[in-house]
Amino acid sequence: MTINEPVEFIDLVKQSERAHALTAVPATIGLAETALILGIAKSTAWTMYSQGTFPLPVIRIGTRIRVVKVHIQQFLETGEPVTFESATASPVAFEPAARESNAG
């Protein structure tokens, strides 16, 4: 056993922890969690959602209602209702990034 083996093991653990942290943090949260962040009752959030007055865009995934975290952050920073059109940040890139050509 050499002195480098424990250091390499620690590096592998740190890499694994970072990878887990990225996958453990979802880009969206539920309406109930959003209500908690906004400081309103869950029932108020559901009522506003059903009346179309919720100040954030929601995403329906099957029977689940999700809210994008960056939209919540934008709303908290500006105090203005957020729409998909007015959102300043895209949480997910839907198009692959352009690659530089290696051709000479």
C-alpha atoms as a PDB file:
ATOM      1  CA  MET A   1       0.000   0.000   0.000  1.00  0.00           C
ATOM      2  CA  THR A   2       1.434   3.352  -0.983  1.00  0.00           C
ATOM      3  CA  ILE A   3       0.704   6.766   0.452  1.00  0.00           C
ATOM      4  CA  ASN A   4      -1.120   7.773  -2.760  1.00  0.00           C
ATOM      5  CA  GLU A   5      -3.838   5.136  -2.430  1.00  0.00           C
ATOM      6  CA  PRO A   6      -5.730   6.824   0.455  1.00  0.00           C
ATOM      7  CA  VAL A   7      -5.515  10.175  -1.332  1.00  0.00           C
ATOM      8  CA  GLU A   8      -6.869   8.641  -4.546  1.00  0.00           C
ATOM      9  CA  PHE A   9      -9.678   7.009  -2.573  1.00  0.00           C
ATOM     10  CA  ILE A  10     -10.591  10.327  -0.946  1.00  0.00           C
ATOM     11  CA  ASP A  11     -10.627  11.989  -4.380  1.00  0.00           C
ATOM     12  CA  LEU A  12     -12.970   9.266  -5.679  1.00  0.00           C
ATOM     13  CA  VAL A  13     -15.299   9.757  -2.702  1.00  0.00           C
ATOM     14  CA  LYS A  14     -15.365  13.523  -3.271  1.00  0.00           C
ATOM     15  CA  GLN A  15     -16.171  13.029  -6.967  1.00  0.00           C
ATOM     16  CA  SER A  16     -18.952  10.621  -6.044  1.00  0.00           C
ATOM     17  CA  GLU A  17     -20.395  13.087  -3.516  1.00  0.00           C
ATOM     18  CA  ARG A  18     -20.428  15.886  -6.108  1.00  0.00           C
ATOM     19  CA  ALA A  19     -22.142  13.656  -8.658  1.00  0.00           C
ATOM     20  CA  HIS A  20     -24.729  12.623  -6.072  1.00  0.00           C
ATOM     21  CA  ALA A  21     -25.346  16.253  -5.090  1.00  0.00           C
ATOM     22  CA  LEU A  22     -26.084  17.168  -8.707  1.00  0.00           C
ATOM     23  CA  THR A  23     -28.592  14.368  -9.119  1.00  0.00           C
ATOM     24  CA  ALA A  24     -30.133  14.890  -5.675  1.00  0.00           C
ATOM     25  CA  VAL A  25     -31.193  18.474  -6.370  1.00  0.00           C
ATOM     26  CA  PRO A  26     -34.192  18.520  -8.707  1.00  0.00           C
ATOM     27  CA  ALA A  27     -34.765  21.465 -11.037  1.00  0.00           C
ATOM     28  CA  THR A  28     -38.439  21.534 -10.064  1.00  0.00           C
ATOM     29  CA  ILE A  29     -40.391  21.242  -6.838  1.00  0.00           C
ATOM     30  CA  GLY A  30     -44.017  20.554  -6.029  1.00  0.00           C
ATOM     31  CA  LEU A  31     -46.724  23.134  -5.491  1.00  0.00           C
ATOM     32  CA  ALA A  32     -46.847  22.444  -1.737  1.00  0.00           C
ATOM     33  CA  GLU A  33     -43.097  23.076  -1.365  1.00  0.00           C
ATOM     34  CA  THR A  34     -43.432  26.207  -3.483  1.00  0.00           C
ATOM     35  CA  ALA A  35     -46.207  27.459  -1.198  1.00  0.00           C
ATOM     36  CA  LEU A  36     -43.928  26.957   1.790  1.00  0.00           C
ATOM     37  CA  ILE A  37     -41.144  28.980   0.139  1.00  0.00           C
ATOM     38  CA  LEU A  38     -43.588  31.750  -0.790  1.00  0.00           C
ATOM     39  CA  GLY A  39     -45.025  31.807   2.715  1.00  0.00           C
ATOM     40  CA  ILE A  40     -48.582  30.955   1.703  1.00  0.00           C
ATOM     41  CA  ALA A  41     -50.848  28.089   2.667  1.00  0.00           C
ATOM     42  CA  LYS A  42     -50.957  25.011   0.446  1.00  0.00           C
ATOM     43  CA  SER A  43     -54.700  25.488   0.035  1.00  0.00           C
ATOM     44  CA  THR A  44     -54.106  29.061  -1.160  1.00  0.00           C
ATOM     45  CA  ALA A  45     -51.535  27.846  -3.694  1.00  0.00           C
ATOM     46  CA  TRP A  46     -53.934  25.196  -5.006  1.00  0.00           C
ATOM     47  CA  THR A  47     -56.787  27.700  -5.217  1.00  0.00           C
ATOM     48  CA  MET A  48     -54.610  30.190  -7.092  1.00  0.00           C
ATOM     49  CA  TYR A  49     -53.405  27.420  -9.422  1.00  0.00           C
ATOM     50  CA  SER A  50     -56.941  26.223 -10.154  1.00  0.00           C
ATOM     51  CA  GLN A  51     -58.110  29.812 -10.805  1.00  0.00           C
ATOM     52  CA  GLY A  52     -55.126  30.530 -13.056  1.00  0.00           C
ATOM     53  CA  THR A  53     -53.800  33.280 -10.771  1.00  0.00           C
ATOM     54  CA  PHE A  54     -50.706  31.524  -9.415  1.00  0.00           C
ATOM     55  CA  PRO A  55     -47.795  33.930 -10.039  1.00  0.00           C
ATOM     56  CA  LEU A  56     -45.493  31.249 -11.428  1.00  0.00           C
ATOM     57  CA  PRO A  57     -45.750  28.945 -14.412  1.00  0.00           C
ATOM     58  CA  VAL A  58     -46.433  25.325 -13.529  1.00  0.00           C
ATOM     59  CA  ILE A  59     -45.531  22.143 -15.331  1.00  0.00           C
ATOM     60  CA  ARG A  60     -47.888  19.172 -15.333  1.00  0.00           C
ATOM     61  CA  ILE A  61     -46.106  15.839 -15.332  1.00  0.00           C
ATOM     62  CA  GLY A  62     -48.779  13.199 -15.283  1.00  0.00           C
ATOM     63  CA  THR A  63     -50.822  14.039 -12.206  1.00  0.00           C
ATOM     64  CA  ARG A  64     -48.023  16.040 -10.591  1.00  0.00           C
ATOM     65  CA  ILE A  65     -47.783  19.813 -10.606  1.00  0.00           C
ATOM     66  CA  ARG A  66     -44.189  21.098 -10.604  1.00  0.00           C
ATOM     67  CA  VAL A  67     -42.651  24.573 -10.434  1.00  0.00           C
ATOM     68  CA  VAL A  68     -39.201  25.391 -11.810  1.00  0.00           C
ATOM     69  CA  LYS A  69     -36.875  26.592  -9.039  1.00  0.00           C
ATOM     70  CA  VAL A  70     -35.304  29.404 -11.063  1.00  0.00           C
ATOM     71  CA  HIS A  71     -38.795  30.812 -11.660  1.00  0.00           C
ATOM     72  CA  ILE A  72     -39.370  30.911  -7.904  1.00  0.00           C
ATOM     73  CA  GLN A  73     -36.052  32.680  -7.434  1.00  0.00           C
ATOM     74  CA  GLN A  74     -36.907  35.224 -10.138  1.00  0.00           C
ATOM     75  CA  PHE A  75     -40.303  35.882  -8.535  1.00  0.00           C
ATOM     76  CA  LEU A  76     -38.737  36.360  -5.097  1.00  0.00           C
ATOM     77  CA  GLU A  77     -36.125  38.738  -6.522  1.00  0.00           C
ATOM     78  CA  THR A  78     -38.475  40.864  -8.621  1.00  0.00           C
ATOM     79  CA  GLY A  79     -41.879  40.485  -6.970  1.00  0.00           C
ATOM     80  CA  GLU A  80     -43.374  40.297 -10.466  1.00  0.00           C
ATOM     81  CA  PRO A  81     -45.365  37.319 -11.751  1.00  0.00           C
ATOM     82  CA  VAL A  82     -43.264  35.032 -13.935  1.00  0.00           C
ATOM     83  CA  THR A  83     -44.363  33.418 -17.184  1.00  0.00           C
ATOM     84  CA  PHE A  84     -42.465  31.008 -19.387  1.00  0.00           C
ATOM     85  CA  GLU A  85     -42.001  33.907 -21.805  1.00  0.00           C
ATOM     86  CA  SER A  86     -40.701  36.333 -19.151  1.00  0.00           C
ATOM     87  CA  ALA A  87     -38.383  33.913 -17.381  1.00  0.00           C
ATOM     88  CA  THR A  88     -34.819  35.189 -17.441  1.00  0.00           C
ATOM     89  CA  ALA A  89     -33.066  31.885 -16.915  1.00  0.00           C
ATOM     90  CA  SER A  90     -33.405  28.552 -18.653  1.00  0.00           C
ATOM     91  CA  PRO A  91     -32.920  25.715 -16.172  1.00  0.00           C
ATOM     92  CA  VAL A  92     -32.438  23.158 -18.937  1.00  0.00           C
ATOM     93  CA  ALA A  93     -30.720  23.501 -22.294  1.00  0.00           C
ATOM     94  CA  PHE A  94     -32.886  21.686 -24.802  1.00  0.00           C
ATOM     95  CA  GLU A  95     -30.476  22.081 -27.683  1.00  0.00           C
ATOM     96  CA  PRO A  96     -26.989  20.613 -27.608  1.00  0.00           C
ATOM     97  CA  ALA A  97     -24.208  23.155 -27.321  1.00  0.00           C
ATOM     98  CA  ALA A  98     -22.394  23.933 -30.547  1.00  0.00           C
ATOM     99  CA  ARG A  99     -19.141  22.023 -30.849  1.00  0.00           C
ATOM    100  CA  GLU A 100     -16.006  23.425 -32.311  1.00  0.00           C
ATOM    101  CA  SER A 101     -14.738  21.610 -35.330  1.00  0.00           C
ATOM    102  CA  ASN A 102     -11.371  19.898 -34.979  1.00  0.00           C
ATOM    103  CA  ALA A 103     -10.938  19.848 -38.736  1.00  0.00           C
ATOM    104  CA  GLY A 104      -7.886  21.766 -39.855  1.00  0.00           C
END
